[in-house]
Amino acid sequence: MTIKLRTRGNSIRLRLMQEEVKTLEQTAHVQDSVSFPEGERFVYELRITDRFEAVLESTSLSISIPEPDAFRWIQTDEVQLENTFDLPNGDVLALLIEKDYKCLVDCLNENESDTFPNKSKEVC
């Protein structure tokens, strides 16, 4: 799996390629990880459950999306799912789950063989 995890401030974005979306549909779960030189791993996952949820534990991030929303997103041309969570300190955590579309320019020399076809005129 090559789920893209991107963060910026209080926002988390996961981008899934076609095979990952299929796996999510079939198993209700996809995950990926980042390994560190000390032997530690940070694991992040997306699950289909009964509600939106984001849980951070010491070396893992688990994001859950409700089944009806997940299958609507998977089975249609819908590009993204989003939700926000009010935080105890008054801030908001924004969560965005997207289908990974082919870039119109080769910015990072990434392998895009399993991305969704880009019908847009916009660049990444």
PDB file of N, CA and C in Angstrom:
ATOM      1  N   MET A   1       0.841  -1.186   0.000  1.00  0.00           N
ATOM      2  CA  MET A   1       0.000   0.000   0.000  1.00  0.00           C
ATOM      3  C   MET A   1       0.883   1.244   0.000  1.00  0.00           C
ATOM      4  N   THR A   2       0.369   2.276  -0.597  1.00  0.00           N
ATOM      5  CA  THR A   2       1.091   3.548  -0.627  1.00  0.00           C
ATOM      6  C   THR A   2       0.136   4.707  -0.350  1.00  0.00           C
ATOM      7  N   ILE A   3      -0.619   4.581   0.710  1.00  0.00           N
ATOM      8  CA  ILE A   3      -1.545   5.645   1.090  1.00  0.00           C
ATOM      9  C   ILE A   3      -0.737   6.893   1.379  1.00  0.00           C
ATOM     10  N   LYS A   4      -1.139   7.994   0.786  1.00  0.00           N
ATOM     11  CA  LYS A   4      -0.451   9.253   1.053  1.00  0.00           C
ATOM     12  C   LYS A   4      -1.064   9.902   2.285  1.00  0.00           C
ATOM     13  N   LEU A   5      -0.218  10.226   3.235  1.00  0.00           N
ATOM     14  CA  LEU A   5      -0.623  10.923   4.450  1.00  0.00           C
ATOM     15  C   LEU A   5      -0.016  12.308   4.400  1.00  0.00           C
ATOM     16  N   ARG A   6      -0.872  13.312   4.485  1.00  0.00           N
ATOM     17  CA  ARG A   6      -0.385  14.692   4.491  1.00  0.00           C
ATOM     18  C   ARG A   6      -1.022  15.426   5.638  1.00  0.00           C
ATOM     19  N   THR A   7      -0.210  16.209   6.309  1.00  0.00           N
ATOM     20  CA  THR A   7      -0.724  17.015   7.416  1.00  0.00           C
ATOM     21  C   THR A   7      -0.312  18.458   7.202  1.00  0.00           C
ATOM     22  N   ARG A   8      -1.124  19.335   7.720  1.00  0.00           N
ATOM     23  CA  ARG A   8      -0.810  20.760   7.700  1.00  0.00           C
ATOM     24  C   ARG A   8      -1.633  21.401   8.794  1.00  0.00           C
ATOM     25  N   GLY A   9      -0.940  21.921   9.797  1.00  0.00           N
ATOM     26  CA  GLY A   9      -1.672  22.490  10.925  1.00  0.00           C
ATOM     27  C   GLY A   9      -2.586  21.439  11.525  1.00  0.00           C
ATOM     28  N   ASN A  10      -3.820  21.792  11.746  1.00  0.00           N
ATOM     29  CA  ASN A  10      -4.798  20.862  12.305  1.00  0.00           C
ATOM     30  C   ASN A  10      -5.616  20.189  11.216  1.00  0.00           C
ATOM     31  N   SER A  11      -4.934  19.730  10.170  1.00  0.00           N
ATOM     32  CA  SER A  11      -5.649  18.992   9.131  1.00  0.00           C
ATOM     33  C   SER A  11      -4.859  17.736   8.765  1.00  0.00           C
ATOM     34  N   ILE A  12      -5.606  16.683   8.481  1.00  0.00           N
ATOM     35  CA  ILE A  12      -5.039  15.411   8.055  1.00  0.00           C
ATOM     36  C   ILE A  12      -5.712  15.047   6.739  1.00  0.00           C
ATOM     37  N   ARG A  13      -4.888  14.675   5.759  1.00  0.00           N
ATOM     38  CA  ARG A  13      -5.430  14.270   4.456  1.00  0.00           C
ATOM     39  C   ARG A  13      -4.838  12.919   4.086  1.00  0.00           C
ATOM     40  N   LEU A  14      -5.716  11.983   3.738  1.00  0.00           N
ATOM     41  CA  LEU A  14      -5.297  10.693   3.213  1.00  0.00           C
ATOM     42  C   LEU A  14      -5.723  10.612   1.759  1.00  0.00           C
ATOM     43  N   ARG A  15      -4.796  10.189   0.890  1.00  0.00           N
ATOM     44  CA  ARG A  15      -5.113   9.986  -0.525  1.00  0.00           C
ATOM     45  C   ARG A  15      -4.905   8.524  -0.858  1.00  0.00           C
ATOM     46  N   LEU A  16      -5.918   7.918  -1.467  1.00  0.00           N
ATOM     47  CA  LEU A  16      -5.868   6.501  -1.800  1.00  0.00           C
ATOM     48  C   LEU A  16      -5.884   6.294  -3.309  1.00  0.00           C
ATOM     49  N   MET A  17      -5.039   5.389  -3.768  1.00  0.00           N
ATOM     50  CA  MET A  17      -5.019   4.995  -5.177  1.00  0.00           C
ATOM     51  C   MET A  17      -6.137   3.983  -5.420  1.00  0.00           C
ATOM     52  N   GLN A  18      -6.341   3.624  -6.674  1.00  0.00           N
ATOM     53  CA  GLN A  18      -7.449   2.750  -7.049  1.00  0.00           C
ATOM     54  C   GLN A  18      -7.417   1.412  -6.297  1.00  0.00           C
ATOM     55  N   GLU A  19      -6.255   0.769  -6.231  1.00  0.00           N
ATOM     56  CA  GLU A  19      -6.156  -0.532  -5.561  1.00  0.00           C
ATOM     57  C   GLU A  19      -6.471  -0.421  -4.074  1.00  0.00           C
ATOM     58  N   GLU A  20      -6.076   0.668  -3.456  1.00  0.00           N
ATOM     59  CA  GLU A  20      -6.370   0.879  -2.036  1.00  0.00           C
ATOM     60  C   GLU A  20      -7.863   1.091  -1.805  1.00  0.00           C
ATOM     61  N   VAL A  21      -8.513   1.795  -2.723  1.00  0.00           N
ATOM     62  CA  VAL A  21      -9.960   1.989  -2.617  1.00  0.00           C
ATOM     63  C   VAL A  21     -10.667   0.644  -2.760  1.00  0.00           C
ATOM     64  N   LYS A  22     -10.208  -0.193  -3.693  1.00  0.00           N
ATOM     65  CA  LYS A  22     -10.794  -1.535  -3.850  1.00  0.00           C
ATOM     66  C   LYS A  22     -10.596  -2.373  -2.591  1.00  0.00           C
ATOM     67  N   THR A  23      -9.394  -2.319  -2.021  1.00  0.00           N
ATOM     68  CA  THR A  23      -9.121  -3.062  -0.794  1.00  0.00           C
ATOM     69  C   THR A  23     -10.004  -2.570   0.340  1.00  0.00           C
ATOM     70  N   LEU A  24     -10.162  -1.267   0.460  1.00  0.00           N
ATOM     71  CA  LEU A  24     -11.037  -0.703   1.485  1.00  0.00           C
ATOM     72  C   LEU A  24     -12.464  -1.212   1.313  1.00  0.00           C
ATOM     73  N   GLU A  25     -12.942  -1.253   0.085  1.00  0.00           N
ATOM     74  CA  GLU A  25     -14.290  -1.738  -0.191  1.00  0.00           C
ATOM     75  C   GLU A  25     -14.436  -3.205   0.197  1.00  0.00           C
ATOM     76  N   GLN A  26     -13.430  -4.012  -0.078  1.00  0.00           N
ATOM     77  CA  GLN A  26     -13.501  -5.452   0.163  1.00  0.00           C
ATOM     78  C   GLN A  26     -13.245  -5.836   1.617  1.00  0.00           C
ATOM     79  N   THR A  27     -12.359  -5.116   2.301  1.00  0.00           N
ATOM     80  CA  THR A  27     -11.943  -5.535   3.645  1.00  0.00           C
ATOM     81  C   THR A  27     -12.295  -4.538   4.744  1.00  0.00           C
ATOM     82  N   ALA A  28     -12.780  -3.368   4.364  1.00  0.00           N
ATOM     83  CA  ALA A  28     -13.125  -2.286   5.306  1.00  0.00           C
ATOM     84  C   ALA A  28     -11.905  -1.757   6.051  1.00  0.00           C
ATOM     85  N   HIS A  29     -10.694  -1.956   5.470  1.00  0.00           N
ATOM     86  CA  HIS A  29      -9.485  -1.537   6.167  1.00  0.00           C
ATOM     87  C   HIS A  29      -8.313  -1.436   5.194  1.00  0.00           C
ATOM     88  N   VAL A  30      -7.567  -0.344   5.275  1.00  0.00           N
ATOM     89  CA  VAL A  30      -6.280  -0.216   4.585  1.00  0.00           C
ATOM     90  C   VAL A  30      -5.314   0.446   5.548  1.00  0.00           C
ATOM     91  N   GLN A  31      -4.041   0.114   5.403  1.00  0.00           N
ATOM     92  CA  GLN A  31      -3.056   0.752   6.270  1.00  0.00           C
ATOM     93  C   GLN A  31      -1.722   0.855   5.557  1.00  0.00           C
ATOM     94  N   ASP A  32      -0.904   1.728   6.079  1.00  0.00           N
ATOM     95  CA  ASP A  32       0.456   1.918   5.586  1.00  0.00           C
ATOM     96  C   ASP A  32       1.301   2.301   6.786  1.00  0.00           C
ATOM     97  N   SER A  33       2.602   2.437   6.580  1.00  0.00           N
ATOM     98  CA  SER A  33       3.467   2.779   7.699  1.00  0.00           C
ATOM     99  C   SER A  33       4.711   3.500   7.209  1.00  0.00           C
ATOM    100  N   VAL A  34       5.362   4.154   8.144  1.00  0.00           N
ATOM    101  CA  VAL A  34       6.642   4.811   7.916  1.00  0.00           C
ATOM    102  C   VAL A  34       7.624   4.197   8.904  1.00  0.00           C
ATOM    103  N   SER A  35       8.769   3.725   8.397  1.00  0.00           N
ATOM    104  CA  SER A  35       9.800   3.149   9.275  1.00  0.00           C
ATOM    105  C   SER A  35      10.860   4.199   9.579  1.00  0.00           C
ATOM    106  N   PHE A  36      11.408   4.131  10.782  1.00  0.00           N
ATOM    107  CA  PHE A  36      12.427   5.077  11.225  1.00  0.00           C
ATOM    108  C   PHE A  36      13.729   4.335  11.527  1.00  0.00           C
ATOM    109  N   PRO A  37      14.852   5.049  11.449  1.00  0.00           N
ATOM    110  CA  PRO A  37      16.161   4.409  11.634  1.00  0.00           C
ATOM    111  C   PRO A  37      16.310   3.647  12.954  1.00  0.00           C
ATOM    112  N   GLU A  38      15.632   4.084  13.995  1.00  0.00           N
ATOM    113  CA  GLU A  38      15.758   3.431  15.297  1.00  0.00           C
ATOM    114  C   GLU A  38      14.980   2.124  15.367  1.00  0.00           C
ATOM    115  N   GLY A  39      14.345   1.728  14.267  1.00  0.00           N
ATOM    116  CA  GLY A  39      13.552   0.506  14.255  1.00  0.00           C
ATOM    117  C   GLY A  39      12.088   0.729  14.568  1.00  0.00           C
ATOM    118  N   GLU A  40      11.712   1.944  14.895  1.00  0.00           N
ATOM    119  CA  GLU A  40      10.313   2.271  15.180  1.00  0.00           C
ATOM    120  C   GLU A  40       9.527   2.393  13.880  1.00  0.00           C
ATOM    121  N   ARG A  41       8.220   2.179  13.977  1.00  0.00           N
ATOM    122  CA  ARG A  41       7.310   2.343  12.842  1.00  0.00           C
ATOM    123  C   ARG A  41       6.117   3.183  13.261  1.00  0.00           C
ATOM    124  N   PHE A  42       5.706   4.085  12.389  1.00  0.00           N
ATOM    125  CA  PHE A  42       4.470   4.833  12.584  1.00  0.00           C
ATOM    126  C   PHE A  42       3.459   4.242  11.612  1.00  0.00           C
ATOM    127  N   VAL A  43       2.366   3.715  12.134  1.00  0.00           N
ATOM    128  CA  VAL A  43       1.341   3.056  11.321  1.00  0.00           C
ATOM    129  C   VAL A  43       0.131   3.979  11.229  1.00  0.00           C
ATOM    130  N   TYR A  44      -0.405   4.133  10.027  1.00  0.00           N
ATOM    131  CA  TYR A  44      -1.647   4.882   9.859  1.00  0.00           C
ATOM    132  C   TYR A  44      -2.606   4.043   9.045  1.00  0.00           C
ATOM    133  N   GLU A  45      -3.888   4.142   9.418  1.00  0.00           N
ATOM    134  CA  GLU A  45      -4.886   3.271   8.802  1.00  0.00           C
ATOM    135  C   GLU A  45      -6.203   4.006   8.601  1.00  0.00           C
ATOM    136  N   LEU A  46      -6.976   3.469   7.670  1.00  0.00           N
ATOM    137  CA  LEU A  46      -8.325   3.955   7.399  1.00  0.00           C
ATOM    138  C   LEU A  46      -9.253   2.759   7.518  1.00  0.00           C
ATOM    139  N   ARG A  47     -10.302   2.915   8.298  1.00  0.00           N
ATOM    140  CA  ARG A  47     -11.266   1.840   8.532  1.00  0.00           C
ATOM    141  C   ARG A  47     -12.677   2.321   8.218  1.00  0.00           C
ATOM    142  N   ILE A  48     -13.491   1.394   7.784  1.00  0.00           N
ATOM    143  CA  ILE A  48     -14.923   1.658   7.642  1.00  0.00           C
ATOM    144  C   ILE A  48     -15.585   1.134   8.908  1.00  0.00           C
ATOM    145  N   THR A  49     -16.276   2.028   9.619  1.00  0.00           N
ATOM    146  CA  THR A  49     -16.961   1.660  10.862  1.00  0.00           C
ATOM    147  C   THR A  49     -18.340   2.317  10.855  1.00  0.00           C
ATOM    148  N   ASP A  50     -18.812   2.664  12.031  1.00  0.00           N
ATOM    149  CA  ASP A  50     -20.137   3.281  12.121  1.00  0.00           C
ATOM    150  C   ASP A  50     -20.096   4.792  12.336  1.00  0.00           C
ATOM    151  N   ARG A  51     -18.868   5.375  12.393  1.00  0.00           N
ATOM    152  CA  ARG A  51     -18.797   6.824  12.622  1.00  0.00           C
ATOM    153  C   ARG A  51     -17.442   7.375  12.178  1.00  0.00           C
ATOM    154  N   PHE A  52     -17.402   8.706  12.008  1.00  0.00           N
ATOM    155  CA  PHE A  52     -16.134   9.393  11.779  1.00  0.00           C
ATOM    156  C   PHE A  52     -15.381   9.429  13.092  1.00  0.00           C
ATOM    157  N   GLU A  53     -14.084   9.117  13.023  1.00  0.00           N
ATOM    158  CA  GLU A  53     -13.273   9.138  14.227  1.00  0.00           C
ATOM    159  C   GLU A  53     -11.807   9.242  13.827  1.00  0.00           C
ATOM    160  N   ALA A  54     -11.021   9.911  14.640  1.00  0.00           N
ATOM    161  CA  ALA A  54      -9.573   9.977  14.465  1.00  0.00           C
ATOM    162  C   ALA A  54      -8.950   9.716  15.831  1.00  0.00           C
ATOM    163  N   VAL A  55      -8.121   8.660  15.903  1.00  0.00           N
ATOM    164  CA  VAL A  55      -7.512   8.269  17.173  1.00  0.00           C
ATOM    165  C   VAL A  55      -6.005   8.192  16.985  1.00  0.00           C
ATOM    166  N   LEU A  56      -5.286   8.927  17.814  1.00  0.00           N
ATOM    167  CA  LEU A  56      -3.827   8.910  17.793  1.00  0.00           C
ATOM    168  C   LEU A  56      -3.332   8.201  19.036  1.00  0.00           C
ATOM    169  N   GLU A  57      -2.540   7.166  18.830  1.00  0.00           N
ATOM    170  CA  GLU A  57      -1.865   6.488  19.927  1.00  0.00           C
ATOM    171  C   GLU A  57      -0.381   6.701  19.705  1.00  0.00           C
ATOM    172  N   SER A  58       0.455   6.185  20.550  1.00  0.00           N
ATOM    173  CA  SER A  58       1.877   6.521  20.525  1.00  0.00           C
ATOM    174  C   SER A  58       2.522   6.394  19.150  1.00  0.00           C
ATOM    175  N   THR A  59       2.310   5.314  18.450  1.00  0.00           N
ATOM    176  CA  THR A  59       2.945   5.141  17.134  1.00  0.00           C
ATOM    177  C   THR A  59       1.933   4.793  16.057  1.00  0.00           C
ATOM    178  N   SER A  60       0.686   5.218  16.242  1.00  0.00           N
ATOM    179  CA  SER A  60      -0.315   4.901  15.218  1.00  0.00           C
ATOM    180  C   SER A  60      -1.413   5.965  15.153  1.00  0.00           C
ATOM    181  N   LEU A  61      -1.969   6.086  13.973  1.00  0.00           N
ATOM    182  CA  LEU A  61      -3.101   6.962  13.715  1.00  0.00           C
ATOM    183  C   LEU A  61      -4.170   6.115  13.045  1.00  0.00           C
ATOM    184  N   SER A  62      -5.349   6.080  13.638  1.00  0.00           N
ATOM    185  CA  SER A  62      -6.456   5.313  13.087  1.00  0.00           C
ATOM    186  C   SER A  62      -7.596   6.269  12.756  1.00  0.00           C
ATOM    187  N   ILE A  63      -7.990   6.259  11.503  1.00  0.00           N
ATOM    188  CA  ILE A  63      -9.094   7.111  11.047  1.00  0.00           C
ATOM    189  C   ILE A  63     -10.231   6.195  10.618  1.00  0.00           C
ATOM    190  N   SER A  64     -11.417   6.499  11.096  1.00  0.00           N
ATOM    191  CA  SER A  64     -12.603   5.719  10.761  1.00  0.00           C
ATOM    192  C   SER A  64     -13.597   6.593  10.026  1.00  0.00           C
ATOM    193  N   ILE A  65     -14.282   5.977   9.072  1.00  0.00           N
ATOM    194  CA  ILE A  65     -15.337   6.673   8.328  1.00  0.00           C
ATOM    195  C   ILE A  65     -16.594   5.811   8.356  1.00  0.00           C
ATOM    196  N   PRO A  66     -17.776   6.443   8.411  1.00  0.00           N
ATOM    197  CA  PRO A  66     -19.023   5.685   8.487  1.00  0.00           C
ATOM    198  C   PRO A  66     -19.296   4.910   7.198  1.00  0.00           C
ATOM    199  N   GLU A  67     -19.843   3.725   7.357  1.00  0.00           N
ATOM    200  CA  GLU A  67     -20.088   2.829   6.229  1.00  0.00           C
ATOM    201  C   GLU A  67     -20.895   3.467   5.092  1.00  0.00           C
ATOM    202  N   PRO A  68     -22.026   4.123   5.364  1.00  0.00           N
ATOM    203  CA  PRO A  68     -22.795   4.684   4.233  1.00  0.00           C
ATOM    204  C   PRO A  68     -22.001   5.713   3.432  1.00  0.00           C
ATOM    205  N   ASP A  69     -21.266   6.576   4.125  1.00  0.00           N
ATOM    206  CA  ASP A  69     -20.447   7.583   3.445  1.00  0.00           C
ATOM    207  C   ASP A  69     -19.319   6.927   2.671  1.00  0.00           C
ATOM    208  N   ALA A  70     -18.691   5.929   3.282  1.00  0.00           N
ATOM    209  CA  ALA A  70     -17.565   5.242   2.645  1.00  0.00           C
ATOM    210  C   ALA A  70     -17.991   4.586   1.332  1.00  0.00           C
ATOM    211  N   PHE A  71     -19.078   3.831   1.352  1.00  0.00           N
ATOM    212  CA  PHE A  71     -19.480   3.125   0.136  1.00  0.00           C
ATOM    213  C   PHE A  71     -20.015   4.069  -0.935  1.00  0.00           C
ATOM    214  N   ARG A  72     -20.653   5.164  -0.538  1.00  0.00           N
ATOM    215  CA  ARG A  72     -21.064   6.168  -1.525  1.00  0.00           C
ATOM    216  C   ARG A  72     -19.822   6.730  -2.214  1.00  0.00           C
ATOM    217  N   TRP A  73     -18.796   7.066  -1.432  1.00  0.00           N
ATOM    218  CA  TRP A  73     -17.546   7.619  -1.964  1.00  0.00           C
ATOM    219  C   TRP A  73     -16.842   6.601  -2.856  1.00  0.00           C
ATOM    220  N   ILE A  74     -16.762   5.364  -2.409  1.00  0.00           N
ATOM    221  CA  ILE A  74     -16.073   4.305  -3.158  1.00  0.00           C
ATOM    222  C   ILE A  74     -16.759   4.027  -4.491  1.00  0.00           C
ATOM    223  N   GLN A  75     -18.066   3.971  -4.506  1.00  0.00           N
ATOM    224  CA  GLN A  75     -18.809   3.486  -5.664  1.00  0.00           C
ATOM    225  C   GLN A  75     -19.276   4.579  -6.626  1.00  0.00           C
ATOM    226  N   THR A  76     -18.881   5.815  -6.364  1.00  0.00           N
ATOM    227  CA  THR A  76     -19.273   6.913  -7.248  1.00  0.00           C
ATOM    228  C   THR A  76     -18.034   7.699  -7.675  1.00  0.00           C
ATOM    229  N   ASP A  77     -18.253   8.746  -8.442  1.00  0.00           N
ATOM    230  CA  ASP A  77     -17.164   9.634  -8.854  1.00  0.00           C
ATOM    231  C   ASP A  77     -16.838  10.681  -7.797  1.00  0.00           C
ATOM    232  N   GLU A  78     -17.465  10.572  -6.640  1.00  0.00           N
ATOM    233  CA  GLU A  78     -17.190  11.508  -5.558  1.00  0.00           C
ATOM    234  C   GLU A  78     -15.691  11.471  -5.235  1.00  0.00           C
ATOM    235  N   VAL A  79     -15.070  12.627  -5.156  1.00  0.00           N
ATOM    236  CA  VAL A  79     -13.616  12.729  -4.991  1.00  0.00           C
ATOM    237  C   VAL A  79     -13.196  12.630  -3.535  1.00  0.00           C
ATOM    238  N   GLN A  80     -13.962  13.218  -2.632  1.00  0.00           N
ATOM    239  CA  GLN A  80     -13.485  13.305  -1.255  1.00  0.00           C
ATOM    240  C   GLN A  80     -14.588  13.138  -0.224  1.00  0.00           C
ATOM    241  N   LEU A  81     -14.158  12.743   0.952  1.00  0.00           N
ATOM    242  CA  LEU A  81     -14.988  12.748   2.154  1.00  0.00           C
ATOM    243  C   LEU A  81     -14.307  13.681   3.136  1.00  0.00           C
ATOM    244  N   GLU A  82     -15.083  14.451   3.855  1.00  0.00           N
ATOM    245  CA  GLU A  82     -14.465  15.337   4.836  1.00  0.00           C
ATOM    246  C   GLU A  82     -15.311  15.425   6.090  1.00  0.00           C
ATOM    247  N   ASN A  83     -14.621  15.710   7.175  1.00  0.00           N
ATOM    248  CA  ASN A  83     -15.287  15.875   8.453  1.00  0.00           C
ATOM    249  C   ASN A  83     -14.395  16.739   9.340  1.00  0.00           C
ATOM    250  N   THR A  84     -14.996  17.374  10.305  1.00  0.00           N
ATOM    251  CA  THR A  84     -14.218  18.150  11.271  1.00  0.00           C
ATOM    252  C   THR A  84     -14.571  17.683  12.684  1.00  0.00           C
ATOM    253  N   PHE A  85     -13.608  17.858  13.579  1.00  0.00           N
ATOM    254  CA  PHE A  85     -13.785  17.492  14.974  1.00  0.00           C
ATOM    255  C   PHE A  85     -13.447  18.702  15.834  1.00  0.00           C
ATOM    256  N   ASP A  86     -14.340  19.054  16.749  1.00  0.00           N
ATOM    257  CA  ASP A  86     -14.052  20.118  17.709  1.00  0.00           C
ATOM    258  C   ASP A  86     -13.089  19.564  18.749  1.00  0.00           C
ATOM    259  N   LEU A  87     -12.041  20.314  19.027  1.00  0.00           N
ATOM    260  CA  LEU A  87     -11.037  19.899  19.995  1.00  0.00           C
ATOM    261  C   LEU A  87     -11.278  20.578  21.333  1.00  0.00           C
ATOM    262  N   PRO A  88     -10.831  19.960  22.420  1.00  0.00           N
ATOM    263  CA  PRO A  88     -11.071  20.533  23.758  1.00  0.00           C
ATOM    264  C   PRO A  88     -10.533  21.952  23.936  1.00  0.00           C
ATOM    265  N   ASN A  89      -9.475  22.306  23.196  1.00  0.00           N
ATOM    266  CA  ASN A  89      -8.888  23.647  23.357  1.00  0.00           C
ATOM    267  C   ASN A  89      -9.574  24.698  22.485  1.00  0.00           C
ATOM    268  N   GLY A  90     -10.654  24.313  21.801  1.00  0.00           N
ATOM    269  CA  GLY A  90     -11.383  25.253  20.959  1.00  0.00           C
ATOM    270  C   GLY A  90     -10.974  25.204  19.495  1.00  0.00           C
ATOM    271  N   ASP A  91      -9.873  24.529  19.167  1.00  0.00           N
ATOM    272  CA  ASP A  91      -9.459  24.367  17.770  1.00  0.00           C
ATOM    273  C   ASP A  91     -10.328  23.317  17.084  1.00  0.00           C
ATOM    274  N   VAL A  92     -10.098  23.154  15.807  1.00  0.00           N
ATOM    275  CA  VAL A  92     -10.820  22.167  15.006  1.00  0.00           C
ATOM    276  C   VAL A  92      -9.803  21.307  14.265  1.00  0.00           C
ATOM    277  N   LEU A  93     -10.039  20.001  14.235  1.00  0.00           N
ATOM    278  CA  LEU A  93      -9.240  19.080  13.436  1.00  0.00           C
ATOM    279  C   LEU A  93     -10.029  18.774  12.177  1.00  0.00           C
ATOM    280  N   ALA A  94      -9.442  19.042  11.013  1.00  0.00           N
ATOM    281  CA  ALA A  94     -10.090  18.768   9.733  1.00  0.00           C
ATOM    282  C   ALA A  94      -9.546  17.464   9.172  1.00  0.00           C
ATOM    283  N   LEU A  95     -10.445  16.617   8.700  1.00  0.00           N
ATOM    284  CA  LEU A  95     -10.087  15.324   8.140  1.00  0.00           C
ATOM    285  C   LEU A  95     -10.591  15.263   6.705  1.00  0.00           C
ATOM    286  N   LEU A  96      -9.709  14.856   5.785  1.00  0.00           N
ATOM    287  CA  LEU A  96     -10.060  14.778   4.375  1.00  0.00           C
ATOM    288  C   LEU A  96      -9.552  13.460   3.812  1.00  0.00           C
ATOM    289  N   ILE A  97     -10.447  12.673   3.225  1.00  0.00           N
ATOM    290  CA  ILE A  97     -10.107  11.413   2.570  1.00  0.00           C
ATOM    291  C   ILE A  97     -10.365  11.620   1.085  1.00  0.00           C
ATOM    292  N   GLU A  98      -9.353  11.377   0.239  1.00  0.00           N
ATOM    293  CA  GLU A  98      -9.483  11.653  -1.191  1.00  0.00           C
ATOM    294  C   GLU A  98      -9.042  10.468  -2.034  1.00  0.00           C
ATOM    295  N   LYS A  99      -9.615  10.380  -3.216  1.00  0.00           N
ATOM    296  CA  LYS A  99      -9.091   9.486  -4.238  1.00  0.00           C
ATOM    297  C   LYS A  99      -7.888  10.194  -4.848  1.00  0.00           C
ATOM    298  N   ASP A 100      -6.821   9.447  -5.091  1.00  0.00           N
ATOM    299  CA  ASP A 100      -5.587  10.025  -5.616  1.00  0.00           C
ATOM    300  C   ASP A 100      -5.655  10.066  -7.139  1.00  0.00           C
ATOM    301  N   TYR A 101      -5.714  11.270  -7.676  1.00  0.00           N
ATOM    302  CA  TYR A 101      -5.804  11.459  -9.125  1.00  0.00           C
ATOM    303  C   TYR A 101      -4.441  11.752  -9.723  1.00  0.00           C
ATOM    304  N   LYS A 102      -4.281  11.362 -10.951  1.00  0.00           N
ATOM    305  CA  LYS A 102      -3.038  11.597 -11.678  1.00  0.00           C
ATOM    306  C   LYS A 102      -2.777  13.098 -11.784  1.00  0.00           C
ATOM    307  N   CYS A 103      -1.552  13.490 -11.489  1.00  0.00           N
ATOM    308  CA  CYS A 103      -1.167  14.891 -11.636  1.00  0.00           C
ATOM    309  C   CYS A 103      -1.053  15.231 -13.114  1.00  0.00           C
ATOM    310  N   LEU A 104      -1.305  16.459 -13.446  1.00  0.00           N
ATOM    311  CA  LEU A 104      -1.193  16.889 -14.837  1.00  0.00           C
ATOM    312  C   LEU A 104       0.225  17.307 -15.179  1.00  0.00           C
ATOM    313  N   VAL A 105       1.058  17.478 -14.165  1.00  0.00           N
ATOM    314  CA  VAL A 105       2.483  17.725 -14.366  1.00  0.00           C
ATOM    315  C   VAL A 105       3.240  16.778 -13.449  1.00  0.00           C
ATOM    316  N   ASP A 106       4.421  16.367 -13.841  1.00  0.00           N
ATOM    317  CA  ASP A 106       5.216  15.434 -13.049  1.00  0.00           C
ATOM    318  C   ASP A 106       6.058  16.224 -12.056  1.00  0.00           C
ATOM    319  N   CYS A 107       5.472  16.508 -10.890  1.00  0.00           N
ATOM    320  CA  CYS A 107       6.132  17.344  -9.886  1.00  0.00           C
ATOM    321  C   CYS A 107       7.177  16.581  -9.075  1.00  0.00           C
ATOM    322  N   LEU A 108       6.881  15.333  -8.721  1.00  0.00           N
ATOM    323  CA  LEU A 108       7.723  14.610  -7.776  1.00  0.00           C
ATOM    324  C   LEU A 108       8.273  13.300  -8.344  1.00  0.00           C
ATOM    325  N   ASN A 109       8.127  13.057  -9.623  1.00  0.00           N
ATOM    326  CA  ASN A 109       8.548  11.797 -10.232  1.00  0.00           C
ATOM    327  C   ASN A 109       7.957  10.595  -9.508  1.00  0.00           C
ATOM    328  N   GLU A 110       6.703  10.701  -9.110  1.00  0.00           N
ATOM    329  CA  GLU A 110       6.021   9.613  -8.413  1.00  0.00           C
ATOM    330  C   GLU A 110       5.467   8.613  -9.417  1.00  0.00           C
ATOM    331  N   ASN A 111       5.377   7.357  -9.000  1.00  0.00           N
ATOM    332  CA  ASN A 111       4.724   6.339  -9.804  1.00  0.00           C
ATOM    333  C   ASN A 111       3.220   6.552  -9.682  1.00  0.00           C
ATOM    334  N   GLU A 112       2.590   6.914 -10.769  1.00  0.00           N
ATOM    335  CA  GLU A 112       1.158   7.207 -10.763  1.00  0.00           C
ATOM    336  C   GLU A 112       0.360   6.179 -11.558  1.00  0.00           C
ATOM    337  N   SER A 113       0.912   4.981 -11.720  1.00  0.00           N
ATOM    338  CA  SER A 113       0.260   3.972 -12.554  1.00  0.00           C
ATOM    339  C   SER A 113      -1.081   3.517 -11.996  1.00  0.00           C
ATOM    340  N   ASP A 114      -1.330   3.682 -10.700  1.00  0.00           N
ATOM    341  CA  ASP A 114      -2.583   3.236 -10.100  1.00  0.00           C
ATOM    342  C   ASP A 114      -3.460   4.395  -9.638  1.00  0.00           C
ATOM    343  N   THR A 115      -3.132   5.612 -10.060  1.00  0.00           N
ATOM    344  CA  THR A 115      -3.962   6.752  -9.685  1.00  0.00           C
ATOM    345  C   THR A 115      -5.230   6.765 -10.510  1.00  0.00           C
ATOM    346  N   PHE A 116      -6.206   7.533 -10.054  1.00  0.00           N
ATOM    347  CA  PHE A 116      -7.443   7.701 -10.798  1.00  0.00           C
ATOM    348  C   PHE A 116      -7.166   8.665 -11.961  1.00  0.00           C
ATOM    349  N   PRO A 117      -7.805   8.458 -13.118  1.00  0.00           N
ATOM    350  CA  PRO A 117      -7.609   9.376 -14.247  1.00  0.00           C
ATOM    351  C   PRO A 117      -8.084  10.777 -13.882  1.00  0.00           C
ATOM    352  N   ASN A 118      -7.307  11.771 -14.225  1.00  0.00           N
ATOM    353  CA  ASN A 118      -7.642  13.154 -13.902  1.00  0.00           C
ATOM    354  C   ASN A 118      -8.448  13.745 -15.036  1.00  0.00           C
ATOM    355  N   LYS A 119      -9.696  14.117 -14.751  1.00  0.00           N
ATOM    356  CA  LYS A 119     -10.583  14.721 -15.752  1.00  0.00           C
ATOM    357  C   LYS A 119     -10.550  16.229 -15.676  1.00  0.00           C
ATOM    358  N   SER A 120      -9.820  16.736 -14.695  1.00  0.00           N
ATOM    359  CA  SER A 120      -9.768  18.161 -14.441  1.00  0.00           C
ATOM    360  C   SER A 120      -8.657  18.815 -15.257  1.00  0.00           C
ATOM    361  N   LYS A 121      -8.711  20.097 -15.370  1.00  0.00           N
ATOM    362  CA  LYS A 121      -7.636  20.864 -16.007  1.00  0.00           C
ATOM    363  C   LYS A 121      -6.676  21.432 -14.970  1.00  0.00           C
ATOM    364  N   GLU A 122      -7.003  21.178 -13.685  1.00  0.00           N
ATOM    365  CA  GLU A 122      -6.175  21.730 -12.621  1.00  0.00           C
ATOM    366  C   GLU A 122      -4.911  20.893 -12.425  1.00  0.00           C
ATOM    367  N   VAL A 123      -3.846  21.556 -12.030  1.00  0.00           N
ATOM    368  CA  VAL A 123      -2.601  20.878 -11.694  1.00  0.00           C
ATOM    369  C   VAL A 123      -2.696  20.458 -10.228  1.00  0.00           C
ATOM    370  N   CYS A 124      -2.025  19.377  -9.860  1.00  0.00           N
ATOM    371  CA  CYS A 124      -2.058  18.798  -8.485  1.00  0.00           C
ATOM    372  C   CYS A 124      -2.497  19.791  -7.450  1.00  0.00           C
TER     373      CYS A 124
END
